[in-house]
Amino acid sequence: MFKILGVDHIGIAVKDLKEVGAFWSEALGLESTGEETVADQKVTTGFFPTPNGSEIELLAATEPDSPIAKFIEKNGGRGGIQHIALRVDNLEAALADLTAKGVQLIDKKPRRGAGGADIAFLHPKATHGVLLELCQRG
C-alpha cells in the first residue's frame, strides 16, 4: 500500500525556458532553483518552488524528438500543462499496487528524474487523459 502525500509539481511544456521562466520569477515572484538537463528524457527543466512546498516545473525540449517537442507540436506550437506529479511515500509500492489494480503504466519501475526524485508515469489512457507522474523524494 502507498500514500499520496500531495501535489509535488505541475509540469509545463515551454518553447523558451528563459522567457517563460522570467514570467514566473519577475511577474509572479517565484525564485528559480536553477536549470537541469535530463539527457535520457531529452529535456532541460527549471523548477520554481511555491510557498506550500509544491513546484512549477518548466520543461524545454533539447532534441526535436523529445516528448516535450512532440507535445508542443500537437498543441499548435504552444506550450501548456504537460503533466501533474503527485508525491508518494513509496513509489515501488505504488507501482505494484497500481499494476495489481490493472492500471496501465508507462514506467513499470522507478527511474531517476529531475531534482533527484525517483519517478514513474501512468499512461493517460488509464487516467482519463491526464499524464500523471508519481514521484518519491529523499
N, C-alpha and C. Protein backbone atom coordinates (compact mmCIF):
# COMPACT_ATOMS: atom_id res chain seq x y z
N MET A 1 0.85 -1.18 0.00
CA MET A 1 0.00 0.00 0.00
C MET A 1 0.89 1.25 0.00
N PHE A 2 0.36 2.33 -0.50
CA PHE A 2 1.11 3.58 -0.56
C PHE A 2 0.18 4.73 -0.23
N LYS A 3 0.78 5.88 0.04
CA LYS A 3 0.01 7.08 0.31
C LYS A 3 0.44 8.19 -0.64
N ILE A 4 -0.54 8.96 -1.10
CA ILE A 4 -0.24 10.18 -1.83
C ILE A 4 -0.04 11.27 -0.80
N LEU A 5 1.10 11.96 -0.87
CA LEU A 5 1.45 12.98 0.11
C LEU A 5 1.05 14.38 -0.33
N GLY A 6 0.74 14.56 -1.61
CA GLY A 6 0.33 15.87 -2.11
C GLY A 6 0.79 16.08 -3.54
N VAL A 7 0.49 17.25 -4.06
CA VAL A 7 0.96 17.61 -5.40
C VAL A 7 2.42 18.00 -5.28
N ASP A 8 3.28 17.29 -5.97
CA ASP A 8 4.71 17.60 -5.95
C ASP A 8 5.00 18.77 -6.88
N HIS A 9 4.51 18.65 -8.13
CA HIS A 9 4.73 19.73 -9.09
C HIS A 9 3.77 19.62 -10.27
N ILE A 10 3.68 20.70 -11.00
CA ILE A 10 2.95 20.74 -12.26
C ILE A 10 3.97 20.99 -13.35
N GLY A 11 4.02 20.10 -14.33
CA GLY A 11 4.98 20.21 -15.42
C GLY A 11 4.38 20.97 -16.60
N ILE A 12 5.06 22.03 -17.01
CA ILE A 12 4.58 22.88 -18.10
C ILE A 12 5.60 22.86 -19.23
N ALA A 13 5.14 22.43 -20.41
CA ALA A 13 6.00 22.41 -21.61
C ALA A 13 6.14 23.84 -22.13
N VAL A 14 7.38 24.24 -22.42
CA VAL A 14 7.64 25.59 -22.93
C VAL A 14 8.60 25.52 -24.10
N LYS A 15 8.51 26.50 -24.98
CA LYS A 15 9.45 26.59 -26.10
C LYS A 15 10.75 27.25 -25.67
N ASP A 16 10.65 28.23 -24.78
CA ASP A 16 11.81 29.00 -24.35
C ASP A 16 11.84 29.09 -22.83
N LEU A 17 12.74 28.33 -22.23
CA LEU A 17 12.83 28.25 -20.77
C LEU A 17 13.15 29.60 -20.14
N LYS A 18 14.05 30.36 -20.75
CA LYS A 18 14.44 31.66 -20.19
C LYS A 18 13.26 32.64 -20.22
N GLU A 19 12.58 32.72 -21.35
CA GLU A 19 11.48 33.66 -21.50
C GLU A 19 10.34 33.34 -20.54
N VAL A 20 9.93 32.09 -20.51
CA VAL A 20 8.82 31.70 -19.64
C VAL A 20 9.24 31.75 -18.18
N GLY A 21 10.48 31.37 -17.90
CA GLY A 21 10.99 31.45 -16.54
C GLY A 21 10.98 32.87 -16.01
N ALA A 22 11.26 33.83 -16.88
CA ALA A 22 11.24 35.24 -16.48
C ALA A 22 9.85 35.65 -16.01
N PHE A 23 8.81 35.14 -16.68
CA PHE A 23 7.44 35.43 -16.24
C PHE A 23 7.20 34.92 -14.82
N TRP A 24 7.57 33.67 -14.57
CA TRP A 24 7.32 33.07 -13.25
C TRP A 24 8.10 33.79 -12.16
N SER A 25 9.31 34.27 -12.48
CA SER A 25 10.10 34.95 -11.45
C SER A 25 9.77 36.44 -11.35
N GLU A 26 9.71 37.12 -12.49
CA GLU A 26 9.50 38.58 -12.45
C GLU A 26 8.05 38.96 -12.21
N ALA A 27 7.12 38.32 -12.87
CA ALA A 27 5.71 38.69 -12.72
C ALA A 27 5.08 38.08 -11.47
N LEU A 28 5.47 36.84 -11.16
CA LEU A 28 4.82 36.14 -10.05
C LEU A 28 5.68 36.06 -8.79
N GLY A 29 6.95 36.41 -8.90
CA GLY A 29 7.80 36.45 -7.71
C GLY A 29 8.31 35.12 -7.22
N LEU A 30 8.25 34.07 -8.05
CA LEU A 30 8.79 32.77 -7.64
C LEU A 30 10.25 32.68 -8.08
N GLU A 31 11.10 32.25 -7.17
CA GLU A 31 12.53 32.16 -7.47
C GLU A 31 12.88 30.79 -8.04
N SER A 32 13.64 30.78 -9.10
CA SER A 32 14.09 29.54 -9.72
C SER A 32 15.17 28.88 -8.87
N THR A 33 15.14 27.56 -8.84
CA THR A 33 16.22 26.82 -8.18
C THR A 33 17.30 26.44 -9.17
N GLY A 34 17.18 26.93 -10.41
CA GLY A 34 18.18 26.65 -11.44
C GLY A 34 17.64 25.71 -12.49
N GLU A 35 18.49 25.41 -13.45
CA GLU A 35 18.12 24.53 -14.56
C GLU A 35 18.88 23.22 -14.45
N GLU A 36 18.26 22.18 -15.00
CA GLU A 36 18.89 20.86 -15.02
C GLU A 36 18.49 20.16 -16.31
N THR A 37 19.47 19.60 -17.00
CA THR A 37 19.18 18.82 -18.19
C THR A 37 19.11 17.35 -17.82
N VAL A 38 18.04 16.70 -18.26
CA VAL A 38 17.86 15.27 -18.05
C VAL A 38 17.98 14.63 -19.44
N ALA A 39 19.19 14.16 -19.74
CA ALA A 39 19.52 13.72 -21.10
C ALA A 39 18.62 12.60 -21.59
N ASP A 40 18.32 11.60 -20.75
CA ASP A 40 17.53 10.47 -21.24
C ASP A 40 16.07 10.85 -21.49
N GLN A 41 15.61 11.97 -20.94
CA GLN A 41 14.26 12.45 -21.23
C GLN A 41 14.26 13.57 -22.26
N LYS A 42 15.46 13.98 -22.69
CA LYS A 42 15.64 15.00 -23.73
C LYS A 42 14.97 16.32 -23.37
N VAL A 43 15.19 16.74 -22.11
CA VAL A 43 14.61 18.00 -21.63
C VAL A 43 15.60 18.74 -20.75
N THR A 44 15.40 20.06 -20.70
CA THR A 44 16.01 20.88 -19.66
C THR A 44 14.86 21.41 -18.83
N THR A 45 15.02 21.31 -17.52
CA THR A 45 13.96 21.72 -16.61
C THR A 45 14.39 22.92 -15.78
N GLY A 46 13.41 23.65 -15.34
CA GLY A 46 13.61 24.73 -14.37
C GLY A 46 12.50 24.63 -13.34
N PHE A 47 12.85 24.58 -12.07
CA PHE A 47 11.86 24.47 -11.01
C PHE A 47 11.66 25.80 -10.30
N PHE A 48 10.41 26.09 -9.97
CA PHE A 48 10.02 27.30 -9.26
C PHE A 48 9.17 26.88 -8.06
N PRO A 49 9.80 26.75 -6.88
CA PRO A 49 9.05 26.33 -5.69
C PRO A 49 8.00 27.37 -5.27
N THR A 50 6.88 26.85 -4.75
CA THR A 50 5.83 27.71 -4.21
C THR A 50 5.88 27.65 -2.69
N PRO A 51 5.28 28.60 -2.01
CA PRO A 51 5.35 28.62 -0.54
C PRO A 51 4.77 27.38 0.14
N ASN A 52 3.85 26.65 -0.50
CA ASN A 52 3.27 25.47 0.16
C ASN A 52 4.08 24.19 -0.06
N GLY A 53 5.21 24.29 -0.74
CA GLY A 53 6.08 23.14 -0.93
C GLY A 53 5.97 22.46 -2.28
N SER A 54 4.95 22.77 -3.06
CA SER A 54 4.88 22.22 -4.41
C SER A 54 5.70 23.12 -5.34
N GLU A 55 5.86 22.69 -6.58
CA GLU A 55 6.69 23.44 -7.52
C GLU A 55 6.03 23.52 -8.89
N ILE A 56 6.45 24.52 -9.64
CA ILE A 56 6.16 24.61 -11.06
C ILE A 56 7.43 24.13 -11.76
N GLU A 57 7.28 23.16 -12.66
CA GLU A 57 8.42 22.65 -13.41
C GLU A 57 8.23 23.05 -14.87
N LEU A 58 9.14 23.87 -15.38
CA LEU A 58 9.13 24.22 -16.79
C LEU A 58 10.01 23.22 -17.52
N LEU A 59 9.53 22.73 -18.68
CA LEU A 59 10.24 21.72 -19.44
C LEU A 59 10.44 22.20 -20.86
N ALA A 60 11.68 22.27 -21.29
CA ALA A 60 12.02 22.65 -22.66
C ALA A 60 12.75 21.49 -23.33
N ALA A 61 12.39 21.22 -24.57
CA ALA A 61 12.99 20.12 -25.33
C ALA A 61 14.45 20.43 -25.65
N THR A 62 15.28 19.40 -25.58
CA THR A 62 16.68 19.53 -26.01
C THR A 62 16.91 18.85 -27.35
N GLU A 63 15.92 18.07 -27.80
CA GLU A 63 16.01 17.35 -29.08
C GLU A 63 14.66 17.44 -29.79
N PRO A 64 14.66 17.44 -31.11
CA PRO A 64 13.39 17.52 -31.85
C PRO A 64 12.43 16.36 -31.58
N ASP A 65 12.96 15.19 -31.17
CA ASP A 65 12.10 14.04 -30.91
C ASP A 65 11.75 13.89 -29.43
N SER A 66 12.03 14.90 -28.66
CA SER A 66 11.68 14.90 -27.24
C SER A 66 10.16 14.85 -27.06
N PRO A 67 9.68 14.18 -26.02
CA PRO A 67 8.24 14.21 -25.74
C PRO A 67 7.71 15.64 -25.57
N ILE A 68 8.53 16.53 -25.09
CA ILE A 68 8.11 17.93 -24.93
C ILE A 68 7.95 18.59 -26.30
N ALA A 69 8.89 18.35 -27.20
CA ALA A 69 8.77 18.90 -28.56
C ALA A 69 7.51 18.37 -29.24
N LYS A 70 7.23 17.09 -29.06
CA LYS A 70 6.03 16.49 -29.64
C LYS A 70 4.77 17.08 -29.03
N PHE A 71 4.79 17.30 -27.71
CA PHE A 71 3.64 17.91 -27.03
C PHE A 71 3.36 19.30 -27.59
N ILE A 72 4.41 20.11 -27.72
CA ILE A 72 4.24 21.47 -28.23
C ILE A 72 3.73 21.45 -29.67
N GLU A 73 4.25 20.54 -30.47
CA GLU A 73 3.79 20.42 -31.86
C GLU A 73 2.30 20.07 -31.91
N LYS A 74 1.90 19.09 -31.09
CA LYS A 74 0.49 18.69 -31.06
C LYS A 74 -0.41 19.79 -30.51
N ASN A 75 0.18 20.70 -29.76
CA ASN A 75 -0.57 21.79 -29.14
C ASN A 75 -0.50 23.06 -29.99
N GLY A 76 -0.32 22.90 -31.28
CA GLY A 76 -0.32 24.04 -32.18
C GLY A 76 0.87 24.97 -32.03
N GLY A 77 1.99 24.43 -31.55
CA GLY A 77 3.20 25.25 -31.40
C GLY A 77 3.26 26.00 -30.08
N ARG A 78 2.27 25.76 -29.23
CA ARG A 78 2.24 26.44 -27.93
C ARG A 78 2.57 25.43 -26.84
N GLY A 79 3.05 25.94 -25.75
CA GLY A 79 3.27 25.09 -24.58
C GLY A 79 1.98 24.90 -23.82
N GLY A 80 2.09 24.38 -22.63
CA GLY A 80 0.93 24.18 -21.78
C GLY A 80 1.23 23.13 -20.73
N ILE A 81 0.23 22.84 -19.90
CA ILE A 81 0.42 21.84 -18.86
C ILE A 81 0.63 20.48 -19.53
N GLN A 82 1.77 19.87 -19.23
CA GLN A 82 2.13 18.60 -19.83
C GLN A 82 1.85 17.44 -18.89
N HIS A 83 2.06 17.65 -17.58
CA HIS A 83 1.77 16.60 -16.61
C HIS A 83 1.56 17.17 -15.22
N ILE A 84 0.96 16.35 -14.38
CA ILE A 84 0.81 16.67 -12.95
C ILE A 84 1.53 15.57 -12.20
N ALA A 85 2.33 15.96 -11.20
CA ALA A 85 3.08 14.99 -10.43
C ALA A 85 2.57 14.95 -9.00
N LEU A 86 2.29 13.75 -8.54
CA LEU A 86 1.89 13.53 -7.16
C LEU A 86 3.04 12.89 -6.41
N ARG A 87 3.33 13.41 -5.21
CA ARG A 87 4.38 12.83 -4.38
C ARG A 87 3.78 11.66 -3.60
N VAL A 88 4.50 10.55 -3.61
CA VAL A 88 4.06 9.36 -2.86
C VAL A 88 5.12 8.98 -1.84
N ASP A 89 4.69 8.23 -0.83
CA ASP A 89 5.62 7.82 0.22
C ASP A 89 6.48 6.63 -0.20
N ASN A 90 5.99 5.80 -1.13
CA ASN A 90 6.72 4.61 -1.54
C ASN A 90 6.39 4.32 -3.01
N LEU A 91 7.26 4.72 -3.89
CA LEU A 91 6.99 4.61 -5.32
C LEU A 91 6.91 3.16 -5.79
N GLU A 92 7.78 2.31 -5.31
CA GLU A 92 7.73 0.90 -5.72
C GLU A 92 6.42 0.25 -5.28
N ALA A 93 5.97 0.56 -4.08
CA ALA A 93 4.69 0.02 -3.60
C ALA A 93 3.54 0.57 -4.43
N ALA A 94 3.62 1.84 -4.81
CA ALA A 94 2.58 2.45 -5.63
C ALA A 94 2.48 1.75 -6.97
N LEU A 95 3.61 1.49 -7.61
CA LEU A 95 3.60 0.83 -8.91
C LEU A 95 3.07 -0.61 -8.80
N ALA A 96 3.46 -1.31 -7.74
CA ALA A 96 2.97 -2.68 -7.54
C ALA A 96 1.46 -2.68 -7.31
N ASP A 97 0.98 -1.75 -6.49
CA ASP A 97 -0.44 -1.66 -6.19
C ASP A 97 -1.25 -1.32 -7.44
N LEU A 98 -0.77 -0.32 -8.20
CA LEU A 98 -1.48 0.09 -9.41
C LEU A 98 -1.47 -1.02 -10.47
N THR A 99 -0.35 -1.72 -10.59
CA THR A 99 -0.28 -2.85 -11.52
C THR A 99 -1.29 -3.92 -11.13
N ALA A 100 -1.39 -4.22 -9.84
CA ALA A 100 -2.35 -5.22 -9.35
C ALA A 100 -3.78 -4.79 -9.63
N LYS A 101 -4.02 -3.50 -9.68
CA LYS A 101 -5.36 -2.98 -9.96
C LYS A 101 -5.63 -2.85 -11.45
N GLY A 102 -4.64 -3.22 -12.29
CA GLY A 102 -4.82 -3.18 -13.73
C GLY A 102 -4.62 -1.81 -14.36
N VAL A 103 -3.98 -0.89 -13.64
CA VAL A 103 -3.74 0.45 -14.16
C VAL A 103 -2.59 0.40 -15.17
N GLN A 104 -2.79 0.97 -16.35
CA GLN A 104 -1.76 0.97 -17.38
C GLN A 104 -0.66 1.96 -17.02
N LEU A 105 0.58 1.49 -17.00
CA LEU A 105 1.74 2.30 -16.65
C LEU A 105 2.62 2.54 -17.87
N ILE A 106 3.28 3.68 -17.88
CA ILE A 106 4.35 3.92 -18.86
C ILE A 106 5.63 3.33 -18.31
N ASP A 107 5.89 3.60 -17.04
CA ASP A 107 7.09 3.09 -16.36
C ASP A 107 6.69 1.98 -15.39
N LYS A 108 7.23 0.80 -15.60
CA LYS A 108 6.92 -0.33 -14.73
C LYS A 108 7.80 -0.34 -13.48
N LYS A 109 8.89 0.43 -13.52
CA LYS A 109 9.76 0.56 -12.35
C LYS A 109 10.23 2.01 -12.26
N PRO A 110 10.62 2.45 -11.07
CA PRO A 110 11.08 3.84 -10.90
C PRO A 110 12.33 4.13 -11.71
N ARG A 111 12.45 5.39 -12.12
CA ARG A 111 13.67 5.87 -12.77
C ARG A 111 13.99 7.24 -12.19
N ARG A 112 15.19 7.71 -12.43
CA ARG A 112 15.64 8.99 -11.88
C ARG A 112 15.12 10.13 -12.74
N GLY A 113 14.53 11.12 -12.10
CA GLY A 113 14.04 12.31 -12.78
C GLY A 113 14.79 13.55 -12.33
N ALA A 114 14.31 14.68 -12.76
CA ALA A 114 14.93 15.95 -12.39
C ALA A 114 14.83 16.18 -10.89
N GLY A 115 15.79 16.91 -10.37
CA GLY A 115 15.78 17.24 -8.95
C GLY A 115 16.11 16.07 -8.04
N GLY A 116 16.59 14.97 -8.62
CA GLY A 116 16.97 13.81 -7.81
C GLY A 116 15.82 12.93 -7.36
N ALA A 117 14.62 13.17 -7.86
CA ALA A 117 13.46 12.37 -7.47
C ALA A 117 13.43 11.06 -8.25
N ASP A 118 12.88 10.03 -7.64
CA ASP A 118 12.55 8.81 -8.36
C ASP A 118 11.14 9.02 -8.90
N ILE A 119 10.93 8.68 -10.18
CA ILE A 119 9.66 8.97 -10.84
C ILE A 119 9.16 7.78 -11.63
N ALA A 120 7.87 7.81 -11.93
CA ALA A 120 7.25 6.86 -12.85
C ALA A 120 5.97 7.50 -13.36
N PHE A 121 5.68 7.27 -14.63
CA PHE A 121 4.50 7.84 -15.25
C PHE A 121 3.41 6.79 -15.44
N LEU A 122 2.16 7.22 -15.23
CA LEU A 122 0.99 6.41 -15.54
C LEU A 122 0.52 6.83 -16.92
N HIS A 123 -0.02 5.88 -17.67
CA HIS A 123 -0.45 6.18 -19.03
C HIS A 123 -1.72 7.02 -19.01
N PRO A 124 -1.80 8.05 -19.86
CA PRO A 124 -3.01 8.89 -19.90
C PRO A 124 -4.29 8.11 -20.20
N LYS A 125 -4.18 6.97 -20.87
CA LYS A 125 -5.38 6.15 -21.13
C LYS A 125 -5.98 5.64 -19.82
N ALA A 126 -5.14 5.46 -18.80
CA ALA A 126 -5.60 4.97 -17.51
C ALA A 126 -6.12 6.08 -16.60
N THR A 127 -5.75 7.31 -16.91
CA THR A 127 -6.08 8.44 -16.02
C THR A 127 -7.06 9.41 -16.66
N HIS A 128 -7.77 8.93 -17.66
CA HIS A 128 -8.78 9.75 -18.35
C HIS A 128 -8.18 10.99 -19.00
N GLY A 129 -7.00 10.80 -19.61
CA GLY A 129 -6.40 11.86 -20.41
C GLY A 129 -5.34 12.70 -19.75
N VAL A 130 -5.03 12.45 -18.50
CA VAL A 130 -4.02 13.24 -17.79
C VAL A 130 -2.72 12.43 -17.71
N LEU A 131 -1.61 13.03 -18.13
CA LEU A 131 -0.32 12.39 -17.92
C LEU A 131 0.03 12.60 -16.46
N LEU A 132 0.04 11.52 -15.70
CA LEU A 132 0.26 11.60 -14.26
C LEU A 132 1.60 10.99 -13.91
N GLU A 133 2.39 11.75 -13.19
CA GLU A 133 3.69 11.29 -12.72
C GLU A 133 3.59 11.05 -11.22
N LEU A 134 4.15 9.95 -10.77
CA LEU A 134 4.31 9.72 -9.34
C LEU A 134 5.77 9.93 -9.02
N CYS A 135 6.06 10.57 -7.90
CA CYS A 135 7.47 10.78 -7.56
C CYS A 135 7.68 10.58 -6.06
N GLN A 136 8.89 10.17 -5.75
CA GLN A 136 9.32 9.99 -4.37
C GLN A 136 10.64 10.72 -4.21
N ARG A 137 10.70 11.54 -3.20
CA ARG A 137 11.92 12.31 -2.92
C ARG A 137 12.58 11.83 -1.65
N GLY A 138 13.90 11.91 -1.68
CA GLY A 138 14.71 11.63 -0.50
C GLY A 138 14.49 10.32 0.10
